[in-house]
Amino acid sequence: MPTVLPLCSADMSGPYALHSLELRHLRCFLAIAEEGNVTRAAARLRLTQPAVSRTLATLEDALGVRLVDRPTHHLALTAEGRAFQESAAAAVAAFEDALDSVRAVRRPLRLGHAWSAAGPYTTPLLRRWRERYPDVPLELLRIDDRTAGLTRGAVDVALLRGPVDAPGLVTELLHTESRVAAVPSDSPLAPRDALTLADLSGHTIAVNTVSGTTALDLWPPAARPTATITVANTDDWLAAIAADRAVGVTTTATPGMHPHPGVVYVPLTDAPDLPVVLAWRDGPRHPAVRDLIELAHEVVPSDGARSTE
């Protein structure tokens, strides 16, 4: 009698194991790749850390390659992992697009942002959308990752700040925002009418490594701050500054969207403006994405918008 190898045997590896892979394995890997940390990936997926580690191990065993280097606290992708990330993101996006193609056209349009949305134009945009497209609800979702949930299919279109280098995305410049310093309300810097980057270089800088846009290379090499505090979202960023643990750099959109009694925002005169873009996945998309892009250009003053692929 011929021997039959079960496809889901406990010691399964190699090509047979590929049949046991599911979309959840790809979502788990993408969360780890984007967060750079198993704890944050587990929180995002609402799973335990051991479950996330086991899912990653199953994926690596099935593929026969190591995707993630684990020696350091901040995980890093291997060369194979970086190559697989693009394919996995495309596969998850394709799955979401396939679902979208059979869903009702009137399903909500999901607009993602990591912080500050469209700044002072957020409410006018939402109100204008409701007036013009009452049959298609517009859901504004804050998602704390670099693409505000776009690469993992959590949103249809996203408002993003700074350069966008995730594969498979199309972006269109909406406008640019000036930068401001965020300092504790009792800081000697708070009463100033304006500040420069040099005024901040002697202070600890709060850096949001998950969805923020400020890094030490914003300063000239000879005048870079020497101390940073790493945070994972805007709320923690504000808390660190209000507690006088650090100062920060953000844009003019933040004061209106994130006022805080312990934080004062002061214009920065020598920091470059930050682009604000609308981004969406290349390929099939929600039929109302183009309507949102056109409406956003009506609501937000233009300063030279252009598309990039």
Protein backbone atom coordinates (compact mmCIF):
# COMPACT_ATOMS: atom_id res chain seq x y z
CA MET A 1 0.00 0.00 0.00
CA PRO A 2 1.53 3.39 -0.94
CA THR A 3 2.40 5.79 1.85
CA VAL A 4 0.41 9.03 1.91
CA LEU A 5 2.04 12.09 3.48
CA PRO A 6 -0.53 14.21 5.35
CA LEU A 7 -0.47 17.85 4.28
CA CYS A 8 -0.85 19.06 7.88
CA SER A 9 1.43 16.68 9.76
CA ALA A 10 3.15 18.03 12.87
CA ASP A 11 6.63 17.72 11.38
CA MET A 12 5.63 19.03 8.02
CA SER A 13 8.08 21.30 6.20
CA GLY A 14 8.97 22.27 2.66
CA PRO A 15 6.52 22.47 -0.27
CA TYR A 16 3.79 20.47 1.47
CA ALA A 17 3.70 23.04 4.29
CA LEU A 18 2.76 25.81 1.88
CA HIS A 19 -0.71 24.32 1.60
CA SER A 20 -1.30 25.02 5.30
CA LEU A 21 -0.54 28.74 5.06
CA GLU A 22 -3.41 31.19 5.45
CA LEU A 23 -3.92 34.91 5.07
CA ARG A 24 -3.39 35.31 8.82
CA HIS A 25 0.24 34.23 8.43
CA LEU A 26 0.84 37.03 5.93
CA ARG A 27 -0.98 39.60 8.07
CA CYS A 28 1.09 38.56 11.08
CA PHE A 29 4.37 38.86 9.19
CA LEU A 30 3.41 42.28 7.80
CA ALA A 31 2.51 43.52 11.28
CA ILE A 32 5.92 42.41 12.60
CA ALA A 33 7.70 43.95 9.61
CA GLU A 34 5.90 47.27 9.97
CA GLU A 35 6.08 47.50 13.76
CA GLY A 36 9.63 46.13 14.12
CA ASN A 37 8.56 44.63 17.41
CA VAL A 38 6.61 41.49 18.36
CA THR A 39 4.90 43.19 21.31
CA ARG A 40 3.50 46.00 19.17
CA ALA A 41 2.57 43.57 16.40
CA ALA A 42 0.68 41.43 18.90
CA ALA A 43 -1.18 44.47 20.23
CA ARG A 44 -2.10 45.54 16.71
CA LEU A 45 -3.38 42.07 15.84
CA ARG A 46 -5.01 41.63 19.25
CA LEU A 47 -3.09 38.42 19.82
CA THR A 48 -0.65 37.23 22.48
CA GLN A 49 3.09 37.52 21.87
CA PRO A 50 3.56 33.72 21.86
CA ALA A 51 0.80 33.37 19.24
CA VAL A 52 2.51 35.94 17.01
CA SER A 53 5.88 34.20 17.42
CA ARG A 54 4.37 30.80 16.61
CA THR A 55 2.63 32.16 13.52
CA LEU A 56 5.87 33.68 12.26
CA ALA A 57 7.74 30.42 12.93
CA THR A 58 5.11 28.46 10.98
CA LEU A 59 5.46 30.81 8.04
CA GLU A 60 9.26 30.60 8.05
CA ASP A 61 9.16 26.79 8.33
CA ALA A 62 6.77 26.57 5.39
CA LEU A 63 8.89 28.85 3.23
CA GLY A 64 12.15 27.28 4.35
CA VAL A 65 13.82 30.65 4.96
CA ARG A 66 14.34 33.00 7.89
CA LEU A 67 12.38 36.22 7.39
CA VAL A 68 13.23 38.04 10.62
CA ASP A 69 16.47 38.43 12.58
CA ARG A 70 15.70 38.15 16.29
CA PRO A 71 18.97 38.88 18.19
CA THR A 72 18.13 42.52 18.95
CA HIS A 73 15.24 44.14 20.79
CA HIS A 74 14.22 45.93 17.57
CA LEU A 75 13.63 43.15 15.05
CA ALA A 76 15.06 43.49 11.56
CA LEU A 77 14.04 41.79 8.34
CA THR A 78 16.50 39.54 6.57
CA ALA A 79 17.13 40.06 2.85
CA GLU A 80 14.57 37.33 2.20
CA GLY A 81 12.16 39.04 4.58
CA ARG A 82 12.46 42.36 2.79
CA ALA A 83 11.78 40.69 -0.55
CA PHE A 84 8.84 38.74 0.88
CA GLN A 85 7.31 41.84 2.50
CA GLU A 86 6.49 43.38 -0.86
CA SER A 87 4.92 40.16 -2.15
CA ALA A 88 2.96 39.59 1.08
CA ALA A 89 1.62 43.15 1.07
CA ALA A 90 0.54 42.75 -2.55
CA ALA A 91 -1.18 39.45 -1.76
CA VAL A 92 -3.12 40.90 1.19
CA ALA A 93 -4.07 43.97 -0.84
CA ALA A 94 -5.23 41.75 -3.71
CA PHE A 95 -7.40 39.79 -1.29
CA GLU A 96 -8.99 43.00 -0.01
CA ASP A 97 -9.51 44.22 -3.56
CA ALA A 98 -11.20 40.93 -4.48
CA LEU A 99 -13.61 41.39 -1.58
CA ASP A 100 -14.24 44.99 -2.55
CA SER A 101 -15.18 43.95 -6.07
CA VAL A 102 -18.19 41.98 -4.79
CA ARG A 103 -19.20 44.28 -1.94
CA ALA A 104 -21.92 46.85 -2.39
CA VAL A 105 -20.73 50.02 -4.06
CA ARG A 106 -22.22 52.01 -1.20
CA ARG A 107 -20.06 50.49 1.51
CA PRO A 108 -18.25 53.11 3.66
CA LEU A 109 -15.15 54.72 2.24
CA ARG A 110 -12.38 54.35 4.83
CA LEU A 111 -9.98 57.30 5.11
CA GLY A 112 -6.92 56.56 7.24
CA HIS A 113 -4.52 58.91 8.99
CA ALA A 114 -1.79 58.42 11.57
CA TRP A 115 -2.16 61.86 13.17
CA SER A 116 -3.85 65.21 12.51
CA ALA A 117 -5.86 63.99 9.47
CA ALA A 118 -6.19 67.02 7.16
CA GLY A 119 -5.55 69.49 9.96
CA PRO A 120 -7.98 72.45 9.96
CA TYR A 121 -9.56 71.17 6.75
CA THR A 122 -10.70 67.88 8.33
CA THR A 123 -14.15 69.02 9.42
CA PRO A 124 -14.91 70.92 6.18
CA LEU A 125 -13.86 67.84 4.18
CA LEU A 126 -16.11 65.50 6.18
CA ARG A 127 -19.06 67.90 6.03
CA ARG A 128 -18.68 68.55 2.30
CA TRP A 129 -18.49 64.81 1.63
CA ARG A 130 -21.69 64.18 3.56
CA GLU A 131 -23.48 66.88 1.58
CA ARG A 132 -22.29 65.70 -1.81
CA TYR A 133 -22.26 61.92 -1.31
CA PRO A 134 -24.89 61.14 1.35
CA ASP A 135 -25.19 57.50 0.23
CA VAL A 136 -21.48 56.69 0.83
CA PRO A 137 -20.41 57.17 4.47
CA LEU A 138 -16.86 58.46 4.93
CA GLU A 139 -15.14 56.83 7.91
CA LEU A 140 -12.10 58.66 9.32
CA LEU A 141 -9.81 56.14 11.04
CA ARG A 142 -6.65 56.91 13.01
CA ILE A 143 -4.23 53.99 12.62
CA ASP A 144 -0.77 54.28 14.14
CA ASP A 145 1.52 52.99 11.44
CA ARG A 146 3.53 54.52 8.63
CA THR A 147 0.80 54.18 5.98
CA ALA A 148 -2.20 54.54 8.35
CA GLY A 149 -3.36 51.01 7.60
CA LEU A 150 -3.23 51.35 3.82
CA THR A 151 -0.70 48.62 3.03
CA ARG A 152 -2.59 46.06 5.12
CA GLY A 153 -5.96 46.86 3.59
CA ALA A 154 -7.47 48.48 6.70
CA VAL A 155 -8.38 51.65 4.76
CA ASP A 156 -9.09 52.58 1.14
CA VAL A 157 -7.18 55.86 1.03
CA ALA A 158 -4.94 57.64 3.52
CA LEU A 159 -3.75 61.12 4.43
CA LEU A 160 0.01 60.77 4.94
CA ARG A 161 2.82 63.18 5.74
CA GLY A 162 6.39 63.05 4.54
CA PRO A 163 7.87 60.71 1.92
CA VAL A 164 5.91 57.54 1.16
CA ASP A 165 8.11 54.65 0.00
CA ALA A 166 5.86 51.65 0.62
CA PRO A 167 5.56 49.52 -2.53
CA GLY A 168 2.34 49.37 -4.52
CA LEU A 169 1.00 52.79 -3.49
CA VAL A 170 0.01 55.78 -5.60
CA THR A 171 0.28 59.23 -4.03
CA GLU A 172 -0.99 62.68 -4.90
CA LEU A 173 0.33 65.82 -3.25
CA LEU A 174 -2.43 67.70 -1.47
CA HIS A 175 -0.50 70.59 0.06
CA THR A 176 2.44 71.34 2.36
CA GLU A 177 2.55 72.30 6.02
CA SER A 178 5.03 74.44 7.93
CA ARG A 179 6.80 72.99 10.95
CA VAL A 180 6.39 74.02 14.55
CA ALA A 181 8.20 73.14 17.76
CA ALA A 182 6.27 71.54 20.61
CA VAL A 183 7.66 72.49 24.03
CA PRO A 184 6.47 72.17 27.63
CA SER A 185 4.15 75.02 28.61
CA ASP A 186 6.54 76.12 31.39
CA SER A 187 9.67 75.93 29.22
CA PRO A 188 11.74 79.12 28.66
CA LEU A 189 11.13 78.47 24.96
CA ALA A 190 7.33 78.63 25.26
CA PRO A 191 6.94 82.47 25.30
CA ARG A 192 9.09 82.90 22.18
CA ASP A 193 7.43 84.13 18.98
CA ALA A 194 9.55 81.78 16.86
CA LEU A 195 12.32 79.22 17.24
CA THR A 196 15.04 77.66 15.12
CA LEU A 197 16.27 74.07 15.00
CA ALA A 198 19.39 75.22 16.83
CA ASP A 199 17.21 76.34 19.75
CA LEU A 200 16.11 72.71 20.16
CA SER A 201 19.42 70.95 19.58
CA GLY A 202 20.43 71.04 23.24
CA HIS A 203 17.21 69.33 24.33
CA THR A 204 16.02 65.72 24.27
CA ILE A 205 13.83 65.14 21.20
CA ALA A 206 10.67 63.02 21.30
CA VAL A 207 10.67 60.83 18.19
CA ASN A 208 7.63 58.85 17.04
CA THR A 209 9.28 55.93 15.24
CA VAL A 210 5.98 54.32 14.21
CA SER A 211 4.09 57.08 12.42
CA GLY A 212 6.07 60.28 12.97
CA THR A 213 8.04 62.33 10.47
CA THR A 214 10.80 63.84 12.64
CA ALA A 215 14.25 62.28 12.72
CA LEU A 216 17.64 63.60 13.77
CA ASP A 217 18.65 64.16 10.15
CA LEU A 218 16.30 67.17 10.20
CA TRP A 219 19.19 68.99 11.92
CA PRO A 220 22.53 69.79 10.26
CA PRO A 221 25.16 67.12 11.07
CA ALA A 222 27.17 69.48 13.25
CA ALA A 223 24.18 70.58 15.33
CA ARG A 224 22.16 67.43 15.87
CA PRO A 225 20.62 66.70 19.27
CA THR A 226 22.35 63.94 21.16
CA ALA A 227 19.40 62.56 23.14
CA THR A 228 16.02 61.19 22.06
CA ILE A 229 12.97 59.57 23.59
CA THR A 230 11.22 57.01 21.40
CA VAL A 231 7.42 56.91 21.40
CA ALA A 232 4.90 54.95 19.32
CA ASN A 233 2.01 57.39 18.85
CA THR A 234 0.92 61.00 19.12
CA ASP A 235 -0.61 60.59 22.58
CA ASP A 236 2.66 59.31 24.07
CA TRP A 237 4.56 62.04 22.19
CA LEU A 238 2.41 64.75 23.80
CA ALA A 239 2.69 63.16 27.24
CA ALA A 240 6.50 63.09 27.06
CA ILE A 241 6.65 66.77 26.11
CA ALA A 242 4.08 67.89 28.71
CA ALA A 243 6.08 66.06 31.39
CA ASP A 244 9.19 68.08 30.41
CA ARG A 245 10.99 64.93 29.31
CA ALA A 246 11.53 66.20 25.76
CA VAL A 247 10.61 68.69 23.06
CA GLY A 248 9.26 67.80 19.63
CA VAL A 249 8.83 68.93 16.05
CA THR A 250 5.57 68.63 14.16
CA THR A 251 3.49 70.62 11.64
CA THR A 252 0.92 73.39 11.80
CA ALA A 253 -1.85 70.77 11.59
CA THR A 254 -1.12 69.43 15.06
CA PRO A 255 -2.01 72.39 17.34
CA GLY A 256 -5.64 72.42 16.20
CA MET A 257 -6.08 68.64 16.16
CA HIS A 258 -4.06 67.87 19.31
CA PRO A 259 -4.25 70.77 21.79
CA HIS A 260 -2.72 69.97 25.18
CA PRO A 261 -2.66 72.17 28.29
CA GLY A 262 0.94 71.17 29.00
CA VAL A 263 2.27 71.79 25.49
CA VAL A 264 2.91 75.04 23.58
CA TYR A 265 3.47 75.11 19.83
CA VAL A 266 5.97 77.67 18.48
CA PRO A 267 6.73 78.30 14.76
CA LEU A 268 10.07 76.99 13.47
CA THR A 269 11.64 79.39 11.01
CA ASP A 270 14.31 77.19 9.40
CA ALA A 271 12.73 73.73 9.15
CA PRO A 272 11.56 72.57 5.70
CA ASP A 273 7.85 72.28 4.98
CA LEU A 274 6.32 68.81 5.09
CA PRO A 275 4.25 67.43 2.18
CA VAL A 276 0.78 66.06 2.87
CA VAL A 277 -0.35 63.45 0.35
CA LEU A 278 -3.37 61.33 -0.38
CA ALA A 279 -2.32 57.72 -0.98
CA TRP A 280 -4.13 54.65 -2.24
CA ARG A 281 -3.23 51.18 -3.44
CA ASP A 282 -2.42 50.71 -7.09
CA GLY A 283 -4.97 48.53 -8.88
CA PRO A 284 -8.67 47.95 -8.11
CA ARG A 285 -10.02 50.31 -5.48
CA HIS A 286 -13.20 51.59 -3.89
CA PRO A 287 -15.14 53.43 -6.61
CA ALA A 288 -15.38 56.58 -4.45
CA VAL A 289 -11.61 57.07 -3.98
CA ARG A 290 -11.32 59.40 -6.97
CA ASP A 291 -14.33 61.40 -5.72
CA LEU A 292 -12.57 61.93 -2.38
CA ILE A 293 -9.35 63.02 -4.05
CA GLU A 294 -11.19 65.58 -6.17
CA LEU A 295 -13.15 66.88 -3.19
CA ALA A 296 -9.99 67.16 -1.07
CA HIS A 297 -8.45 69.40 -3.71
CA GLU A 298 -11.54 71.61 -3.55
CA VAL A 299 -11.43 71.92 0.23
CA VAL A 300 -7.67 72.19 0.84
CA PRO A 301 -5.84 75.18 -0.73
CA SER A 302 -3.55 73.91 -3.45
CA ASP A 303 0.17 74.65 -3.62
CA GLY A 304 1.25 72.62 -6.62
CA ALA A 305 -0.25 69.13 -6.33
CA ARG A 306 1.02 66.34 -8.52
CA SER A 307 0.66 62.57 -8.79
CA THR A 308 3.47 60.06 -8.35
CA GLU A 309 3.43 56.33 -9.15
